[in-house]
Structures are given as C-alpha cells and as structure tokens.
C-alpha cells in the first residue's frame, strides 16, 4: 500500500527563506515542509514552530537528515540526502507512519533509494548556491522512470517550468526550494 504523498514539498533554506514559518503559513493544505536546519542552534525550537503550523494548516512536516530531531518533535517523516538513501528501508520499518523521501542527483541515486519518493534535482536552472547543472525535462523524465517510484522535481520549479514537467508527463509532484516571503 502506497502512502498518500504531499503534492508539493517546500524545502527551507536559511539564506533564501530566513522566515520559513511565514512561507509555511501560506502553504495550501496537503503540501509539506521539509525543514533543513544545517546545524542551527535553534533547530528544535524552529522545528516545533513549523510542526505547529503544519498541524494547524493540514500540512506534513519532514525533517532533513536529522532522524533524532524528527522523533523529538513528532514530525511526519524525514528527507535523506542521496548518500544516506540506503537508510530509507530501515526508517520506514522503524516508523511505518512516516513519509521518507530521499534526494537523487544521479541515475544510481534514483534507482537505489528505498524511500517512498525521490526528490530529483537540479531539475531546471536555479539560483540556489548549491545547485549544479540543470537536468531539463527530458533527462528528469528519464530519472523519474528509472526511480520506479513517485518523484519530485527540485530546483528552478516555477509556473513556466511546471508546464514543461506536465508536458513531459510528470504531473502532480513538485518541490519548491527557497520560496520568498
């Protein structure tokens, strides 16, 4: 049985979305927040604020990479970097109610994950400081097919590029990195 996955993932970014709570407060029901704290001293307090917003708005909260924090704050799951995707199966077994996603930046990463969904990036040209070369719709579609599971596109997703995803047959799942408040 497949879990109901959020239609959209909002990835927090401390530089590009310093007020992630304000963005989360505007997300539509059924979407999810992926909180990436990158070692911030206030990570737990911020995760708790995001969890409160998520509960009030009918959103899911996933914690980036930090399984212990996800447990402590009662998150709905975790998002794993590609290098940790091999932990997905064990996490799903230990936490059957969690949504577990993993990053995929390569064909091997897309295929290897045991996650509920993969987040494939970089889909389109992005202003993110960590973004590499963009895949484009055709290469992205090939990675989605190789993944054999639900996939989200991350990087450069906007109204125009979302139409390109639809044209490539990738409808329904998108991820947005660094929404502005």
Protein backbone atom coordinates (compact mmCIF):
# COMPACT_ATOMS: atom_id res chain seq x y z
CA UNK A 1 0.00 0.00 0.00
CA UNK A 2 1.40 3.37 -1.03
CA UNK A 3 1.27 6.30 1.35
CA UNK A 4 -0.57 9.44 0.36
CA UNK A 5 2.21 11.82 -0.57
CA UNK A 6 2.05 15.62 -0.45
CA UNK A 7 1.53 17.32 -3.80
CA UNK A 8 4.30 19.83 -3.14
CA UNK A 9 7.35 19.93 -0.91
CA UNK A 10 8.63 23.27 0.37
CA UNK A 11 12.35 22.97 1.20
CA UNK A 12 13.50 25.50 3.74
CA UNK A 13 16.77 27.29 3.17
CA UNK A 14 18.21 29.51 5.93
CA UNK A 15 19.66 32.01 3.44
CA UNK A 16 16.90 32.10 0.84
CA UNK A 17 13.94 31.72 3.22
CA UNK A 18 15.03 33.11 6.58
CA UNK A 19 11.36 33.26 7.64
CA UNK A 20 10.30 29.72 6.77
CA UNK A 21 7.38 30.00 9.19
CA UNK A 22 5.84 32.82 7.11
CA UNK A 23 6.10 30.72 3.95
CA UNK A 24 4.72 27.64 5.71
CA UNK A 25 1.76 29.69 6.94
CA UNK A 26 0.79 30.32 3.29
CA UNK A 27 1.09 26.74 2.01
CA UNK A 28 -2.08 25.02 0.88
CA UNK A 29 -3.43 22.03 2.75
CA UNK A 30 -1.98 18.72 1.60
CA UNK A 31 1.53 20.02 0.99
CA UNK A 32 4.65 19.50 3.11
CA UNK A 33 7.52 21.41 4.67
CA UNK A 34 10.99 19.90 4.53
CA UNK A 35 12.88 21.60 7.33
CA UNK A 36 16.63 21.66 6.73
CA UNK A 37 18.39 23.19 9.72
CA UNK A 38 22.05 22.71 8.73
CA UNK A 39 23.11 22.56 12.39
CA UNK A 40 21.32 25.72 13.53
CA UNK A 41 21.38 26.26 17.29
CA UNK A 42 17.61 26.89 17.34
CA UNK A 43 16.75 23.86 15.17
CA UNK A 44 14.43 22.18 17.67
CA UNK A 45 12.54 25.36 18.54
CA UNK A 46 12.06 26.18 14.86
CA UNK A 47 11.02 22.61 14.06
CA UNK A 48 8.40 22.81 16.82
CA UNK A 49 7.06 26.09 15.39
CA UNK A 50 6.89 24.54 11.93
CA UNK A 51 5.16 21.46 13.34
CA UNK A 52 2.51 23.69 14.96
CA UNK A 53 1.93 25.49 11.65
CA UNK A 54 1.79 22.16 9.81
CA UNK A 55 -0.83 20.74 12.19
CA UNK A 56 -2.95 23.89 12.01
CA UNK A 57 -2.86 24.03 8.20
CA UNK A 58 -3.15 20.35 7.29
CA UNK A 59 0.47 20.10 6.16
CA UNK A 60 3.12 17.44 6.72
CA UNK A 61 6.50 18.19 8.29
CA UNK A 62 9.59 16.29 7.20
CA UNK A 63 12.96 16.89 8.82
CA UNK A 64 16.01 16.97 6.58
CA UNK A 65 18.53 14.25 7.53
CA UNK A 66 18.07 14.54 11.31
CA UNK A 67 16.14 11.44 12.41
CA UNK A 68 16.57 12.20 16.11
CA UNK A 69 15.07 15.67 15.69
CA UNK A 70 12.18 14.21 13.66
CA UNK A 71 11.43 11.83 16.54
CA UNK A 72 11.71 14.53 19.20
CA UNK A 73 9.33 16.97 17.52
CA UNK A 74 6.82 14.40 16.25
CA UNK A 75 7.49 15.07 12.57
CA UNK A 76 5.67 13.21 9.82
CA UNK A 77 8.90 11.87 8.37
CA UNK A 78 12.36 12.61 7.08
CA UNK A 79 14.14 13.64 3.91
CA UNK A 80 17.51 11.96 3.35
CA UNK A 81 20.41 13.19 1.27
CA UNK A 82 21.39 10.82 -1.54
CA UNK A 83 24.38 9.50 0.40
CA UNK A 84 22.03 8.30 3.19
CA UNK A 85 19.21 6.98 0.97
CA UNK A 86 20.16 3.40 1.85
CA UNK A 87 18.71 4.06 5.34
CA UNK A 88 15.21 4.61 3.93
CA UNK A 89 14.03 1.00 4.18
CA UNK A 90 15.07 0.69 7.83
CA UNK A 91 13.49 4.03 8.72
CA UNK A 92 10.23 3.04 7.06
CA UNK A 93 10.26 -0.24 9.00
CA UNK A 94 11.02 1.54 12.31
CA UNK A 95 8.48 4.32 11.65
CA UNK A 96 5.73 2.87 9.42
CA UNK A 97 3.68 6.06 9.57
CA UNK A 98 6.50 8.29 8.37
CA UNK A 99 6.94 9.63 4.88
CA UNK A 100 10.55 9.03 3.87
CA UNK A 101 11.96 10.85 0.86
CA UNK A 102 15.49 10.91 -0.47
CA UNK A 103 17.47 13.12 -2.78
CA UNK A 104 18.56 11.81 -6.16
CA UNK A 105 21.15 13.66 -8.22
CA UNK A 106 22.08 10.72 -10.43
CA UNK A 107 20.72 7.62 -12.10
CA UNK A 108 22.24 5.47 -9.36
CA UNK A 109 20.66 7.67 -6.69
CA UNK A 110 17.24 7.46 -8.33
CA UNK A 111 17.41 3.67 -8.56
CA UNK A 112 18.97 2.95 -5.17
CA UNK A 113 16.50 4.63 -2.89
CA UNK A 114 14.03 2.60 -0.87
CA UNK A 115 12.21 5.81 0.02
CA UNK A 116 8.52 6.50 -0.55
CA UNK A 117 9.54 9.13 -3.10
CA UNK A 118 12.70 10.61 -4.55
CA UNK A 119 13.47 14.29 -4.96
CA UNK A 120 15.38 14.68 -8.21
CA UNK A 121 17.49 17.76 -8.68
CA UNK A 122 18.55 20.01 -10.16
CA UNK A 123 15.54 20.00 -12.49
CA UNK A 124 15.91 23.45 -14.07
CA UNK A 125 18.37 26.33 -13.73
CA UNK A 126 18.25 27.55 -10.14
CA UNK A 127 19.61 30.47 -8.18
CA UNK A 128 20.43 28.19 -5.26
CA UNK A 129 24.07 28.38 -4.26
CA UNK A 130 24.30 24.59 -4.12
CA UNK A 131 22.60 23.96 -7.46
CA UNK A 132 24.60 22.16 -10.08
CA UNK A 133 23.84 21.94 -13.79
CA UNK A 134 20.15 21.61 -14.61
CA UNK A 135 18.78 18.30 -15.91
CA UNK A 136 15.94 19.70 -18.01
CA UNK A 137 12.59 17.97 -18.57
CA UNK A 138 13.84 15.12 -20.79
CA UNK A 139 16.68 13.94 -18.51
CA UNK A 140 14.48 14.49 -15.48
CA UNK A 141 11.79 12.25 -17.02
CA UNK A 142 14.41 9.52 -17.59
CA UNK A 143 15.45 9.66 -13.92
CA UNK A 144 11.81 9.52 -12.82
CA UNK A 145 11.25 6.39 -14.92
CA UNK A 146 14.43 4.85 -13.52
CA UNK A 147 13.35 5.58 -9.94
CA UNK A 148 10.24 3.47 -10.32
CA UNK A 149 8.53 5.36 -7.51
CA UNK A 150 6.92 8.78 -7.05
CA UNK A 151 9.33 11.60 -7.74
CA UNK A 152 9.50 15.31 -7.06
CA UNK A 153 11.40 17.81 -9.19
CA UNK A 154 13.56 20.28 -7.24
CA UNK A 155 15.38 23.34 -8.50
CA UNK A 156 14.07 26.07 -10.73
CA UNK A 157 10.45 24.93 -10.43
CA UNK A 158 8.07 27.78 -11.22
CA UNK A 159 4.88 28.23 -13.28
CA UNK A 160 6.73 28.06 -16.61
CA UNK A 161 8.89 25.05 -15.78
CA UNK A 162 5.96 23.28 -14.12
CA UNK A 163 4.24 23.36 -17.54
CA UNK A 164 7.33 21.67 -19.00
CA UNK A 165 7.05 18.98 -16.33
CA UNK A 166 3.41 18.44 -17.30
CA UNK A 167 4.35 18.26 -20.98
CA UNK A 168 6.94 15.58 -20.12
CA UNK A 169 4.27 13.56 -18.34
CA UNK A 170 5.46 14.45 -14.83
CA UNK A 171 2.24 15.71 -13.33
CA UNK A 172 1.34 16.05 -9.68
CA UNK A 173 4.57 16.24 -7.71
CA UNK A 174 6.82 19.28 -7.48
CA UNK A 175 9.20 20.69 -4.93
CA UNK A 176 9.97 24.31 -4.32
CA UNK A 177 13.24 25.46 -2.81
CA UNK A 178 13.53 28.85 -1.19
CA UNK A 179 10.11 30.43 -1.68
CA UNK A 180 10.24 34.13 -0.95
CA UNK A 181 8.11 35.59 1.82
